[in-house]
Amino acid sequence: YFQSLERSKETVLRQDLAVLRDAIDKHKADVGQYPASLLVLVEQGYIRKIPEDPFTKSSETWQMTMSDDPESAGVRDVHSGAEGAGISGTPFEEF
């Protein structure tokens, strides 16, 4: 039962990350640079709201990777801020 719950949370985490990453990519394609924050994606209509990380139960714990390119500064990628690892042993921060 508990493994099934963990697997469900991992599925939600992967889906949330896919949605956020897709929104980041669309913003980059439309505007020509990465968004300054995840909130920009909401403000500009790329997503309705910032999802909650299913492991931290917060929308404030996402770990953002910023772009190294000064021509296109902003959030380039996003990862879970949860500690620990998934069922396969992969740390949540590497999902």
Protein backbone atom coordinates (compact mmCIF):
# COMPACT_ATOMS: atom_id res chain seq x y z
CA TYR A 1 0.00 0.00 0.00
CA PHE A 2 2.69 2.52 1.00
CA GLN A 3 4.79 1.72 -2.06
CA SER A 4 1.72 2.37 -4.21
CA LEU A 5 1.30 5.80 -2.55
CA GLU A 6 4.95 6.64 -3.17
CA ARG A 7 4.68 5.57 -6.80
CA SER A 8 1.62 7.82 -7.21
CA LYS A 9 3.49 10.80 -5.75
CA GLU A 10 6.41 10.14 -8.09
CA THR A 11 4.03 10.08 -11.05
CA VAL A 12 2.52 13.41 -10.00
CA LEU A 13 6.00 14.88 -9.48
CA ARG A 14 7.14 13.80 -12.94
CA GLN A 15 3.97 15.23 -14.50
CA ASP A 16 4.32 18.55 -12.64
CA LEU A 17 7.95 18.83 -13.72
CA ALA A 18 6.97 18.10 -17.34
CA VAL A 19 4.31 20.84 -17.25
CA LEU A 20 6.69 23.38 -15.70
CA ARG A 21 9.51 22.53 -18.11
CA ASP A 22 7.16 22.75 -21.08
CA ALA A 23 5.95 26.18 -19.92
CA ILE A 24 9.55 27.36 -19.49
CA ASP A 25 10.38 26.19 -23.03
CA LYS A 26 7.28 27.86 -24.50
CA HIS A 27 8.11 31.11 -22.72
CA LYS A 28 11.65 30.96 -24.11
CA ALA A 29 10.33 30.34 -27.63
CA ASP A 30 7.75 33.14 -27.43
CA VAL A 31 9.74 35.83 -25.61
CA GLY A 32 13.30 34.93 -26.55
CA GLN A 33 14.50 34.51 -22.99
CA TYR A 34 13.76 32.37 -19.96
CA PRO A 35 11.23 33.55 -17.37
CA ALA A 36 12.68 35.45 -14.41
CA SER A 37 10.73 33.19 -12.02
CA LEU A 38 8.04 30.54 -12.03
CA LEU A 39 5.52 33.22 -11.05
CA VAL A 40 6.09 34.89 -14.43
CA LEU A 41 4.70 31.74 -16.06
CA VAL A 42 1.47 32.22 -14.12
CA GLU A 43 1.29 35.97 -14.71
CA GLN A 44 1.74 35.54 -18.46
CA GLY A 45 -0.75 32.66 -18.75
CA TYR A 46 1.60 29.77 -19.49
CA ILE A 47 0.28 27.86 -16.46
CA ARG A 48 -2.72 28.52 -14.19
CA LYS A 49 -0.80 28.14 -10.96
CA ILE A 50 2.49 26.84 -9.68
CA PRO A 51 1.82 23.22 -8.68
CA GLU A 52 2.62 21.87 -5.25
CA ASP A 53 5.51 19.44 -5.04
CA PRO A 54 3.75 16.23 -3.90
CA PHE A 55 6.59 15.38 -1.50
CA THR A 56 7.06 18.78 0.15
CA LYS A 57 3.37 19.73 -0.18
CA SER A 58 4.44 23.25 -1.13
CA SER A 59 4.68 25.29 -4.31
CA GLU A 60 7.54 27.27 -2.75
CA THR A 61 10.15 24.49 -2.64
CA TRP A 62 10.89 24.06 -6.35
CA GLN A 63 14.61 24.35 -7.03
CA MET A 64 15.33 26.47 -10.08
CA THR A 65 18.38 26.22 -12.33
CA MET A 66 19.20 29.62 -13.75
CA SER A 67 20.56 30.15 -17.25
CA ASP A 68 24.29 30.84 -17.64
CA ASP A 69 23.66 32.82 -20.83
CA PRO A 70 23.61 36.58 -20.07
CA GLU A 71 21.62 37.12 -23.29
CA SER A 72 18.86 34.84 -22.00
CA ALA A 73 18.87 35.05 -18.21
CA GLY A 74 16.17 33.39 -16.13
CA VAL A 75 14.89 30.01 -15.03
CA ARG A 76 16.26 27.35 -17.40
CA ASP A 77 15.11 24.25 -15.50
CA VAL A 78 13.29 23.19 -12.36
CA HIS A 79 13.68 20.29 -9.92
CA SER A 80 12.00 19.05 -6.78
CA GLY A 81 13.17 20.52 -3.50
CA ALA A 82 12.29 17.34 -1.64
CA GLU A 83 14.96 15.45 0.24
CA GLY A 84 15.40 11.76 -0.28
CA ALA A 85 15.03 9.47 -3.25
CA GLY A 86 12.36 7.74 -5.23
CA ILE A 87 11.58 4.05 -5.29
CA SER A 88 14.30 3.45 -7.90
CA GLY A 89 16.88 5.20 -5.72
CA THR A 90 17.08 8.32 -7.90
CA PRO A 91 17.19 11.46 -5.74
CA PHE A 92 14.10 13.66 -6.14
CA GLU A 93 16.34 16.57 -7.08
CA GLU A 94 17.40 14.63 -10.19
CA PHE A 95 13.89 13.95 -11.46
